[in-house]
Amino acid sequence: MKTIDRTFYVDDGVTVAKKLLGKIMVREEGGQAYYFKIVETEAYMGIEDKGAHVFGNKKTERTAPLYEIGGTIYIYLIYGMYHCLNVAANEVGVPQGVLIRAVEPLDEKSLAYAKANRPIKSKKIVDLTNGPGKVCKALNIDKSLNAKSVVDGKRLWIEEGEIDEGFEIVEAKRINIPYAEEYQDKLWRFYIKGNPFVSVIEK
């Protein structure tokens, strides 16, 4: 499949978050490619979004990748131990982005890769990659990919998924951002309805 080009990401964060659902994230390591479908995302809408790292236009060394052109990778650490993968959206200087919250392994080789990187006691396959920290651990994603690009076809990139898959998108509140005040109620989390790899299902 073809790597998605830059123009796909030069759009607002909410739009890109929705468009990424069903796309295929490819992790290349050791000359092998592993394939995962994106099933859950969250949009972060820049300097006015109280849930975003750049709220109030906080441009720091840490947040600098979000200020780059859409398609730039932004990796950060939570709780001092879990990496989270984000893809910048919009134009240069408009720091919006999309958090990749959950992915689905698409073949046995990719599943084995995820298990090797993230051995777990649970026998449920969904527990491997149904959360942002889990995604990064299972796909061996760390700060070495920060500020790189998902459009150059190296190490980590995104390809088109199945054409006309016809899934329904659920819109929900974002997870674990109580500090965001009224912005925690924005329906800026998106997931494929019925997919078992989604981290939190709306009741």
Protein backbone atom coordinates (compact mmCIF):
# COMPACT_ATOMS: atom_id res chain seq x y z
CA MET A 1 0.00 0.00 0.00
CA LYS A 2 1.02 3.59 -0.57
CA THR A 3 2.31 5.85 2.21
CA ILE A 4 -0.14 8.68 2.89
CA ASP A 5 1.31 11.99 1.72
CA ARG A 6 1.79 15.22 3.61
CA THR A 7 -1.39 16.96 2.44
CA PHE A 8 -3.48 14.44 4.43
CA TYR A 9 -2.11 15.90 7.69
CA VAL A 10 -2.33 19.58 6.78
CA ASP A 11 -5.82 19.88 8.20
CA ASP A 12 -7.28 20.61 11.63
CA GLY A 13 -6.63 18.11 14.40
CA VAL A 14 -10.21 16.86 14.72
CA THR A 15 -10.45 16.15 11.01
CA VAL A 16 -7.09 14.35 10.94
CA ALA A 17 -8.02 12.32 14.05
CA LYS A 18 -11.13 11.03 12.29
CA LYS A 19 -9.36 10.43 8.99
CA LEU A 20 -6.66 8.34 10.68
CA LEU A 21 -9.16 5.72 11.83
CA GLY A 22 -8.82 2.61 9.71
CA LYS A 23 -5.43 3.67 8.34
CA ILE A 24 -2.50 1.29 8.65
CA MET A 25 0.46 2.20 10.84
CA VAL A 26 3.63 0.44 9.73
CA ARG A 27 6.55 -0.11 12.08
CA GLU A 28 9.81 -1.08 10.39
CA GLU A 29 12.58 -2.61 12.44
CA GLY A 30 15.45 -4.90 11.52
CA GLY A 31 14.44 -4.90 7.88
CA GLN A 32 10.94 -6.20 8.69
CA ALA A 33 7.65 -4.31 8.45
CA TYR A 34 4.80 -4.84 10.91
CA TYR A 35 1.23 -3.69 10.32
CA PHE A 36 -1.36 -2.26 12.71
CA LYS A 37 -4.75 -0.67 12.05
CA ILE A 38 -5.45 2.58 13.88
CA VAL A 39 -8.73 2.14 15.77
CA GLU A 40 -8.76 4.97 18.34
CA THR A 41 -7.44 8.55 18.32
CA GLU A 42 -7.70 11.79 20.27
CA ALA A 43 -7.44 15.30 18.84
CA TYR A 44 -5.60 18.12 20.61
CA MET A 45 -6.51 21.48 19.19
CA GLY A 46 -3.63 23.79 19.94
CA ILE A 47 -3.08 26.86 22.03
CA GLU A 48 -6.72 27.32 23.12
CA ASP A 49 -7.17 23.67 24.16
CA LYS A 50 -6.67 23.36 27.92
CA GLY A 51 -5.95 19.67 27.47
CA ALA A 52 -3.04 20.28 25.08
CA HIS A 53 0.63 20.57 26.01
CA VAL A 54 0.78 23.79 23.98
CA PHE A 55 -2.12 25.50 25.77
CA GLY A 56 -1.34 29.18 26.08
CA ASN A 57 1.16 28.85 23.23
CA LYS A 58 3.73 26.96 25.33
CA LYS A 59 6.40 26.40 22.71
CA THR A 60 9.26 24.57 24.39
CA GLU A 61 11.93 22.13 23.32
CA ARG A 62 9.52 19.38 24.30
CA THR A 63 6.51 20.64 22.33
CA ALA A 64 8.43 21.94 19.30
CA PRO A 65 7.43 19.01 17.00
CA LEU A 66 3.77 20.05 17.27
CA TYR A 67 4.64 23.42 15.73
CA GLU A 68 6.07 21.69 12.65
CA ILE A 69 4.14 20.73 9.52
CA GLY A 70 1.43 18.09 9.84
CA GLY A 71 2.83 14.56 9.77
CA THR A 72 5.65 15.30 12.22
CA ILE A 73 5.94 12.81 15.08
CA TYR A 74 5.64 14.02 18.68
CA ILE A 75 6.61 11.56 21.42
CA TYR A 76 6.24 12.36 25.11
CA LEU A 77 6.56 10.45 28.35
CA ILE A 78 3.76 10.03 30.92
CA TYR A 79 4.24 8.97 34.55
CA GLY A 80 7.95 8.97 33.80
CA MET A 81 7.71 5.56 32.13
CA TYR A 82 5.21 5.33 29.25
CA HIS A 83 5.77 6.86 25.83
CA CYS A 84 2.84 8.23 23.84
CA LEU A 85 2.74 8.63 20.05
CA ASN A 86 1.25 11.75 18.48
CA VAL A 87 1.15 13.00 14.92
CA ALA A 88 1.16 16.75 14.36
CA ALA A 89 -1.69 18.19 12.31
CA ASN A 90 -2.21 21.44 10.39
CA GLU A 91 0.25 24.01 9.05
CA VAL A 92 3.62 25.04 10.45
CA GLY A 93 3.04 27.19 13.53
CA VAL A 94 -0.42 25.76 14.27
CA PRO A 95 0.36 23.21 17.03
CA GLN A 96 -2.49 20.75 16.75
CA GLY A 97 -2.04 17.00 16.91
CA VAL A 98 -3.50 13.54 17.21
CA LEU A 99 -2.75 10.99 19.94
CA ILE A 100 -2.78 7.39 18.71
CA ARG A 101 -4.68 5.62 21.50
CA ALA A 102 -5.16 2.09 20.17
CA VAL A 103 -4.18 -0.12 17.24
CA GLU A 104 -5.02 -3.62 16.02
CA PRO A 105 -2.31 -6.06 14.84
CA LEU A 106 -3.19 -7.14 11.31
CA ASP A 107 -1.32 -10.42 10.89
CA GLU A 108 0.45 -13.11 12.88
CA LYS A 109 3.90 -11.63 12.29
CA SER A 110 2.79 -8.24 13.61
CA LEU A 111 1.06 -9.85 16.57
CA ALA A 112 4.20 -11.80 17.43
CA TYR A 113 6.25 -8.59 17.21
CA ALA A 114 3.89 -6.83 19.63
CA LYS A 115 4.00 -9.77 22.05
CA ALA A 116 7.79 -9.87 21.98
CA ASN A 117 8.02 -6.17 22.80
CA ARG A 118 5.27 -6.24 25.41
CA PRO A 119 4.96 -9.64 27.09
CA ILE A 120 1.84 -9.68 29.25
CA LYS A 121 0.14 -12.22 31.50
CA SER A 122 -3.28 -11.60 29.99
CA LYS A 123 -4.37 -14.06 27.33
CA LYS A 124 -6.52 -11.37 25.71
CA ILE A 125 -4.82 -10.13 22.55
CA VAL A 126 -6.63 -6.81 22.84
CA ASP A 127 -4.70 -6.02 26.04
CA LEU A 128 -1.51 -5.70 23.99
CA THR A 129 -2.34 -2.45 22.23
CA ASN A 130 -5.56 -0.99 23.71
CA GLY A 131 -4.05 2.18 25.15
CA PRO A 132 -1.48 4.81 24.12
CA GLY A 133 1.31 3.63 26.41
CA LYS A 134 0.66 0.04 25.36
CA VAL A 135 0.88 1.00 21.69
CA CYS A 136 4.33 2.49 22.10
CA LYS A 137 5.64 -0.42 24.17
CA ALA A 138 4.26 -3.04 21.77
CA LEU A 139 5.63 -1.25 18.70
CA ASN A 140 8.94 -0.32 20.35
CA ILE A 141 8.29 3.40 19.87
CA ASP A 142 10.39 5.77 21.95
CA LYS A 143 11.96 9.23 21.86
CA SER A 144 14.29 8.20 19.04
CA LEU A 145 11.32 8.79 16.70
CA ASN A 146 10.49 12.23 18.12
CA ALA A 147 10.40 15.00 15.49
CA LYS A 148 10.69 12.45 12.67
CA SER A 149 7.97 12.15 10.02
CA VAL A 150 5.30 9.58 9.18
CA VAL A 151 5.44 10.50 5.50
CA ASP A 152 9.04 9.57 4.65
CA GLY A 153 8.50 5.80 4.74
CA LYS A 154 11.21 5.15 7.33
CA ARG A 155 10.88 3.30 10.65
CA LEU A 156 7.29 4.44 11.23
CA TRP A 157 4.77 5.49 8.62
CA ILE A 158 1.06 5.36 7.81
CA GLU A 159 -0.61 3.81 4.78
CA GLU A 160 -4.14 3.73 3.41
CA GLY A 161 -6.40 1.06 4.86
CA GLU A 162 -9.07 -0.96 3.15
CA ILE A 163 -11.12 1.09 0.72
CA ASP A 164 -14.76 1.69 1.74
CA GLU A 165 -14.47 -0.33 4.93
CA GLY A 166 -17.67 1.34 6.05
CA PHE A 167 -17.14 1.51 9.82
CA GLU A 168 -19.00 3.84 12.16
CA ILE A 169 -17.02 6.45 14.11
CA VAL A 170 -17.91 7.03 17.76
CA GLU A 171 -17.24 10.51 19.18
CA ALA A 172 -16.46 10.60 22.90
CA LYS A 173 -14.72 12.59 25.64
CA ARG A 174 -10.95 12.37 25.90
CA ILE A 175 -9.40 10.25 28.65
CA ASN A 176 -7.67 11.33 31.89
CA ILE A 177 -7.48 15.10 31.39
CA PRO A 178 -9.36 16.53 34.43
CA TYR A 179 -7.06 19.58 34.38
CA ALA A 180 -8.55 20.61 31.04
CA GLU A 181 -11.64 22.09 32.74
CA GLU A 182 -14.40 22.61 30.16
CA TYR A 183 -12.19 21.13 27.47
CA GLN A 184 -12.36 17.69 29.08
CA ASP A 185 -15.96 17.56 27.84
CA LYS A 186 -15.08 18.08 24.18
CA LEU A 187 -15.98 15.06 22.08
CA TRP A 188 -12.51 14.84 20.57
CA ARG A 189 -11.83 11.14 21.09
CA PHE A 190 -12.75 8.99 18.13
CA TYR A 191 -12.88 5.24 17.67
CA ILE A 192 -14.18 2.55 15.37
CA LYS A 193 -17.47 1.29 16.76
CA GLY A 194 -17.33 -2.38 17.71
CA ASN A 195 -13.58 -2.78 17.46
CA PRO A 196 -12.37 -4.81 20.46
CA PHE A 197 -9.00 -3.03 20.66
CA VAL A 198 -10.55 0.32 21.67
CA SER A 199 -9.31 1.31 25.14
CA VAL A 200 -12.53 2.72 26.63
CA ILE A 201 -15.99 2.01 25.22
CA GLU A 202 -18.80 4.50 25.76
CA LYS A 203 -21.76 2.99 27.61
